[in-house]
Amino acid sequence: MANGPQRREPRRFEPPPWEREQFERLERERARDVVPVAPEVAPDAEARPEPATPEPKPSATEPEPGPAGPPGVDAMLLALKAEEPSAVEAAWKFGLAAAVLVGTIGFMLVIWGMVALARSAGSGPAGIMGATIMSVMGGLFVGLATWMGARSLKQRGVL
């Protein structure tokens, strides 16, 4: 039997360069809070348990770090989002252009189907069926173009 795939050791997290200083400061603060400084004990002193020290409370001046960061960041991100152009802002132009192209093709298919139907009056069922199919397909293209155009204009806010 072949051995299964070898597991790799997970990569160590490295902060982005613009946040490296903040991560280093946070690590220093954690190291300072985690490593207690042991008082020197005289060799002849009795071993007494030290009372547990309460954790220091964050001061009122320091913002409490949360998942979203400082409160000003949320407002700033919302303001930037309002200024940023939408990703689909120009998509309505493409949709409208495609609707015009498909509508033109559909309209031409309907005309050609009607002309073929008029010319194929004596050519038998194959000519009539071909002309009818061409006209129906043209009508479907025109319907699709109408739907695409309406959706594009509704996205733009015109309809």
C-alpha atoms as a PDB file:
ATOM      1  CA  MET A   1       0.000   0.000   0.000  1.00  0.00           C
ATOM      2  CA  ALA A   2       1.167   3.479  -0.741  1.00  0.00           C
ATOM      3  CA  ASN A   3       1.530   5.980   2.018  1.00  0.00           C
ATOM      4  CA  GLY A   4      -1.050   8.767   2.127  1.00  0.00           C
ATOM      5  CA  PRO A   5      -0.154  12.340   1.326  1.00  0.00           C
ATOM      6  CA  GLN A   6       2.386  13.842   3.682  1.00  0.00           C
ATOM      7  CA  ARG A   7       1.007  16.559   5.939  1.00  0.00           C
ATOM      8  CA  ARG A   8       2.851  19.810   5.900  1.00  0.00           C
ATOM      9  CA  GLU A   9       3.371  21.966   8.893  1.00  0.00           C
ATOM     10  CA  PRO A  10       1.030  24.976   8.766  1.00  0.00           C
ATOM     11  CA  ARG A  11       2.679  28.218   7.755  1.00  0.00           C
ATOM     12  CA  ARG A  12       3.302  30.746  10.478  1.00  0.00           C
ATOM     13  CA  PHE A  13       1.160  33.876  10.267  1.00  0.00           C
ATOM     14  CA  GLU A  14       3.034  36.943   9.117  1.00  0.00           C
ATOM     15  CA  PRO A  15       1.260  40.301   9.360  1.00  0.00           C
ATOM     16  CA  PRO A  16       1.211  42.596   6.337  1.00  0.00           C
ATOM     17  CA  PRO A  17       4.003  45.189   6.274  1.00  0.00           C
ATOM     18  CA  TRP A  18       1.695  48.095   7.042  1.00  0.00           C
ATOM     19  CA  GLU A  19       0.441  46.376  10.224  1.00  0.00           C
ATOM     20  CA  ARG A  20       3.713  44.821  11.394  1.00  0.00           C
ATOM     21  CA  GLU A  21       4.398  47.594  13.924  1.00  0.00           C
ATOM     22  CA  GLN A  22       0.983  47.154  15.534  1.00  0.00           C
ATOM     23  CA  PHE A  23       1.453  43.377  15.794  1.00  0.00           C
ATOM     24  CA  GLU A  24       4.883  43.821  17.375  1.00  0.00           C
ATOM     25  CA  ARG A  25       3.453  46.287  19.912  1.00  0.00           C
ATOM     26  CA  LEU A  26       0.636  43.852  20.719  1.00  0.00           C
ATOM     27  CA  GLU A  27       3.135  41.002  21.211  1.00  0.00           C
ATOM     28  CA  ARG A  28       5.215  43.155  23.587  1.00  0.00           C
ATOM     29  CA  GLU A  29       2.094  44.002  25.609  1.00  0.00           C
ATOM     30  CA  ARG A  30       1.054  40.346  25.776  1.00  0.00           C
ATOM     31  CA  ALA A  31       4.533  39.260  26.810  1.00  0.00           C
ATOM     32  CA  ARG A  32       4.593  41.905  29.532  1.00  0.00           C
ATOM     33  CA  ASP A  33       1.154  40.835  30.831  1.00  0.00           C
ATOM     34  CA  VAL A  34       1.788  37.076  30.622  1.00  0.00           C
ATOM     35  CA  VAL A  35       5.248  36.874  32.208  1.00  0.00           C
ATOM     36  CA  PRO A  36       4.903  37.848  35.870  1.00  0.00           C
ATOM     37  CA  VAL A  37       7.921  39.226  37.617  1.00  0.00           C
ATOM     38  CA  ALA A  38       8.667  36.908  40.567  1.00  0.00           C
ATOM     39  CA  PRO A  39       9.679  38.652  43.797  1.00  0.00           C
ATOM     40  CA  GLU A  40      12.999  37.656  45.262  1.00  0.00           C
ATOM     41  CA  VAL A  41      12.534  35.226  48.120  1.00  0.00           C
ATOM     42  CA  ALA A  42      14.986  34.883  50.947  1.00  0.00           C
ATOM     43  CA  PRO A  43      16.220  31.327  51.381  1.00  0.00           C
ATOM     44  CA  ASP A  44      14.990  31.102  54.970  1.00  0.00           C
ATOM     45  CA  ALA A  45      11.506  32.483  54.234  1.00  0.00           C
ATOM     46  CA  GLU A  46       8.546  30.153  54.334  1.00  0.00           C
ATOM     47  CA  ALA A  47       6.904  29.240  51.066  1.00  0.00           C
ATOM     48  CA  ARG A  48       3.551  30.952  51.182  1.00  0.00           C
ATOM     49  CA  PRO A  49       1.181  31.059  48.218  1.00  0.00           C
ATOM     50  CA  GLU A  50       0.929  34.499  46.702  1.00  0.00           C
ATOM     51  CA  PRO A  51      -2.562  35.972  46.353  1.00  0.00           C
ATOM     52  CA  ALA A  52      -3.795  35.956  42.789  1.00  0.00           C
ATOM     53  CA  THR A  53      -3.390  39.334  41.137  1.00  0.00           C
ATOM     54  CA  PRO A  54      -6.446  40.566  39.273  1.00  0.00           C
ATOM     55  CA  GLU A  55      -6.043  41.241  35.582  1.00  0.00           C
ATOM     56  CA  PRO A  56      -5.528  44.906  34.779  1.00  0.00           C
ATOM     57  CA  LYS A  57      -8.646  46.548  33.393  1.00  0.00           C
ATOM     58  CA  PRO A  58      -8.278  48.503  30.168  1.00  0.00           C
ATOM     59  CA  SER A  59      -8.200  52.208  30.770  1.00  0.00           C
ATOM     60  CA  ALA A  60     -11.039  54.417  29.598  1.00  0.00           C
ATOM     61  CA  THR A  61      -8.765  56.327  27.222  1.00  0.00           C
ATOM     62  CA  GLU A  62      -7.695  53.273  25.233  1.00  0.00           C
ATOM     63  CA  PRO A  63     -10.283  51.946  22.762  1.00  0.00           C
ATOM     64  CA  GLU A  64     -11.140  48.343  23.356  1.00  0.00           C
ATOM     65  CA  PRO A  65      -9.892  46.284  20.401  1.00  0.00           C
ATOM     66  CA  GLY A  66     -12.771  44.486  18.780  1.00  0.00           C
ATOM     67  CA  PRO A  67     -13.415  42.666  15.558  1.00  0.00           C
ATOM     68  CA  ALA A  68     -14.148  45.878  13.669  1.00  0.00           C
ATOM     69  CA  GLY A  69     -11.350  47.975  15.223  1.00  0.00           C
ATOM     70  CA  PRO A  70     -11.716  51.491  16.534  1.00  0.00           C
ATOM     71  CA  PRO A  71     -15.149  53.116  16.124  1.00  0.00           C
ATOM     72  CA  GLY A  72     -13.905  55.693  13.606  1.00  0.00           C
ATOM     73  CA  VAL A  73     -12.839  52.982  11.176  1.00  0.00           C
ATOM     74  CA  ASP A  74     -16.422  51.836  10.538  1.00  0.00           C
ATOM     75  CA  ALA A  75     -17.545  55.349   9.681  1.00  0.00           C
ATOM     76  CA  MET A  76     -14.528  55.859   7.453  1.00  0.00           C
ATOM     77  CA  LEU A  77     -15.156  52.578   5.595  1.00  0.00           C
ATOM     78  CA  LEU A  78     -18.817  53.481   5.041  1.00  0.00           C
ATOM     79  CA  ALA A  79     -17.797  56.877   3.655  1.00  0.00           C
ATOM     80  CA  LEU A  80     -15.290  55.237   1.307  1.00  0.00           C
ATOM     81  CA  LYS A  81     -17.900  52.732   0.148  1.00  0.00           C
ATOM     82  CA  ALA A  82     -20.290  55.577  -0.684  1.00  0.00           C
ATOM     83  CA  GLU A  83     -17.609  57.302  -2.778  1.00  0.00           C
ATOM     84  CA  GLU A  84     -16.566  54.140  -4.614  1.00  0.00           C
ATOM     85  CA  PRO A  85     -18.247  53.574  -7.985  1.00  0.00           C
ATOM     86  CA  SER A  86     -20.342  50.441  -8.239  1.00  0.00           C
ATOM     87  CA  ALA A  87     -18.786  47.464 -10.008  1.00  0.00           C
ATOM     88  CA  VAL A  88     -21.816  47.131 -12.287  1.00  0.00           C
ATOM     89  CA  GLU A  89     -22.361  50.834 -12.877  1.00  0.00           C
ATOM     90  CA  ALA A  90     -21.447  50.659 -16.566  1.00  0.00           C
ATOM     91  CA  ALA A  91     -22.998  47.215 -17.154  1.00  0.00           C
ATOM     92  CA  TRP A  92     -26.311  48.753 -18.193  1.00  0.00           C
ATOM     93  CA  LYS A  93     -24.618  50.198 -21.307  1.00  0.00           C
ATOM     94  CA  PHE A  94     -23.448  46.766 -22.364  1.00  0.00           C
ATOM     95  CA  GLY A  95     -26.896  45.287 -21.686  1.00  0.00           C
ATOM     96  CA  LEU A  96     -28.613  47.979 -23.709  1.00  0.00           C
ATOM     97  CA  ALA A  97     -26.163  47.584 -26.605  1.00  0.00           C
ATOM     98  CA  ALA A  98     -26.670  43.803 -26.584  1.00  0.00           C
ATOM     99  CA  ALA A  99     -30.443  44.313 -26.528  1.00  0.00           C
ATOM    100  CA  VAL A 100     -30.262  46.579 -29.578  1.00  0.00           C
ATOM    101  CA  LEU A 101     -28.072  44.052 -31.446  1.00  0.00           C
ATOM    102  CA  VAL A 102     -30.279  41.052 -30.584  1.00  0.00           C
ATOM    103  CA  GLY A 103     -33.422  43.053 -31.381  1.00  0.00           C
ATOM    104  CA  THR A 104     -32.065  44.060 -34.780  1.00  0.00           C
ATOM    105  CA  ILE A 105     -31.170  40.464 -35.601  1.00  0.00           C
ATOM    106  CA  GLY A 106     -34.604  39.289 -34.426  1.00  0.00           C
ATOM    107  CA  PHE A 107     -36.414  41.946 -36.439  1.00  0.00           C
ATOM    108  CA  MET A 108     -34.458  40.965 -39.573  1.00  0.00           C
ATOM    109  CA  LEU A 109     -35.279  37.274 -38.998  1.00  0.00           C
ATOM    110  CA  VAL A 110     -38.983  38.101 -38.756  1.00  0.00           C
ATOM    111  CA  ILE A 111     -38.816  40.096 -42.036  1.00  0.00           C
ATOM    112  CA  TRP A 112     -36.882  37.344 -43.830  1.00  0.00           C
ATOM    113  CA  GLY A 113     -39.286  34.722 -42.505  1.00  0.00           C
ATOM    114  CA  MET A 114     -42.298  36.689 -43.801  1.00  0.00           C
ATOM    115  CA  VAL A 115     -40.653  37.202 -47.209  1.00  0.00           C
ATOM    116  CA  ALA A 116     -39.759  33.489 -47.373  1.00  0.00           C
ATOM    117  CA  LEU A 117     -43.313  32.564 -46.373  1.00  0.00           C
ATOM    118  CA  ALA A 118     -44.724  34.757 -49.175  1.00  0.00           C
ATOM    119  CA  ARG A 119     -42.347  33.246 -51.772  1.00  0.00           C
ATOM    120  CA  SER A 120     -42.850  29.655 -50.630  1.00  0.00           C
ATOM    121  CA  ALA A 121     -46.602  29.529 -51.174  1.00  0.00           C
ATOM    122  CA  GLY A 122     -46.194  26.921 -53.925  1.00  0.00           C
ATOM    123  CA  SER A 123     -42.986  25.257 -52.709  1.00  0.00           C
ATOM    124  CA  GLY A 124     -44.608  22.811 -50.326  1.00  0.00           C
ATOM    125  CA  PRO A 125     -44.574  22.151 -46.587  1.00  0.00           C
ATOM    126  CA  ALA A 126     -40.767  22.317 -46.178  1.00  0.00           C
ATOM    127  CA  GLY A 127     -40.614  25.941 -47.373  1.00  0.00           C
ATOM    128  CA  ILE A 128     -43.587  26.961 -45.232  1.00  0.00           C
ATOM    129  CA  MET A 129     -42.129  25.228 -42.160  1.00  0.00           C
ATOM    130  CA  GLY A 130     -38.688  26.852 -42.672  1.00  0.00           C
ATOM    131  CA  ALA A 131     -40.213  30.319 -43.079  1.00  0.00           C
ATOM    132  CA  THR A 132     -42.408  29.829 -40.010  1.00  0.00           C
ATOM    133  CA  ILE A 133     -39.468  28.669 -37.874  1.00  0.00           C
ATOM    134  CA  MET A 134     -37.426  31.663 -39.026  1.00  0.00           C
ATOM    135  CA  SER A 135     -40.262  34.066 -38.130  1.00  0.00           C
ATOM    136  CA  VAL A 136     -40.816  32.456 -34.698  1.00  0.00           C
ATOM    137  CA  MET A 137     -37.088  32.567 -33.878  1.00  0.00           C
ATOM    138  CA  GLY A 138     -36.982  36.210 -34.923  1.00  0.00           C
ATOM    139  CA  GLY A 139     -39.969  36.930 -32.649  1.00  0.00           C
ATOM    140  CA  LEU A 140     -38.174  35.198 -29.733  1.00  0.00           C
ATOM    141  CA  PHE A 141     -35.073  37.295 -30.388  1.00  0.00           C
ATOM    142  CA  VAL A 142     -37.168  40.472 -30.364  1.00  0.00           C
ATOM    143  CA  GLY A 143     -38.783  39.366 -27.091  1.00  0.00           C
ATOM    144  CA  LEU A 144     -35.360  38.623 -25.573  1.00  0.00           C
ATOM    145  CA  ALA A 145     -34.086  42.021 -26.696  1.00  0.00           C
ATOM    146  CA  THR A 146     -37.096  43.732 -25.102  1.00  0.00           C
ATOM    147  CA  TRP A 147     -36.500  41.908 -21.826  1.00  0.00           C
ATOM    148  CA  MET A 148     -32.738  42.689 -21.859  1.00  0.00           C
ATOM    149  CA  GLY A 149     -33.372  46.349 -22.603  1.00  0.00           C
ATOM    150  CA  ALA A 150     -35.971  46.658 -19.841  1.00  0.00           C
ATOM    151  CA  ARG A 151     -33.646  44.980 -17.309  1.00  0.00           C
ATOM    152  CA  SER A 152     -30.763  47.248 -18.286  1.00  0.00           C
ATOM    153  CA  LEU A 153     -32.851  50.395 -17.989  1.00  0.00           C
ATOM    154  CA  LYS A 154     -34.344  49.196 -14.681  1.00  0.00           C
ATOM    155  CA  GLN A 155     -30.799  48.633 -13.353  1.00  0.00           C
ATOM    156  CA  ARG A 156     -29.921  52.166 -14.391  1.00  0.00           C
ATOM    157  CA  GLY A 157     -33.014  53.483 -12.639  1.00  0.00           C
ATOM    158  CA  VAL A 158     -34.797  54.792 -15.735  1.00  0.00           C
ATOM    159  CA  LEU A 159     -37.740  52.361 -15.460  1.00  0.00           C
END
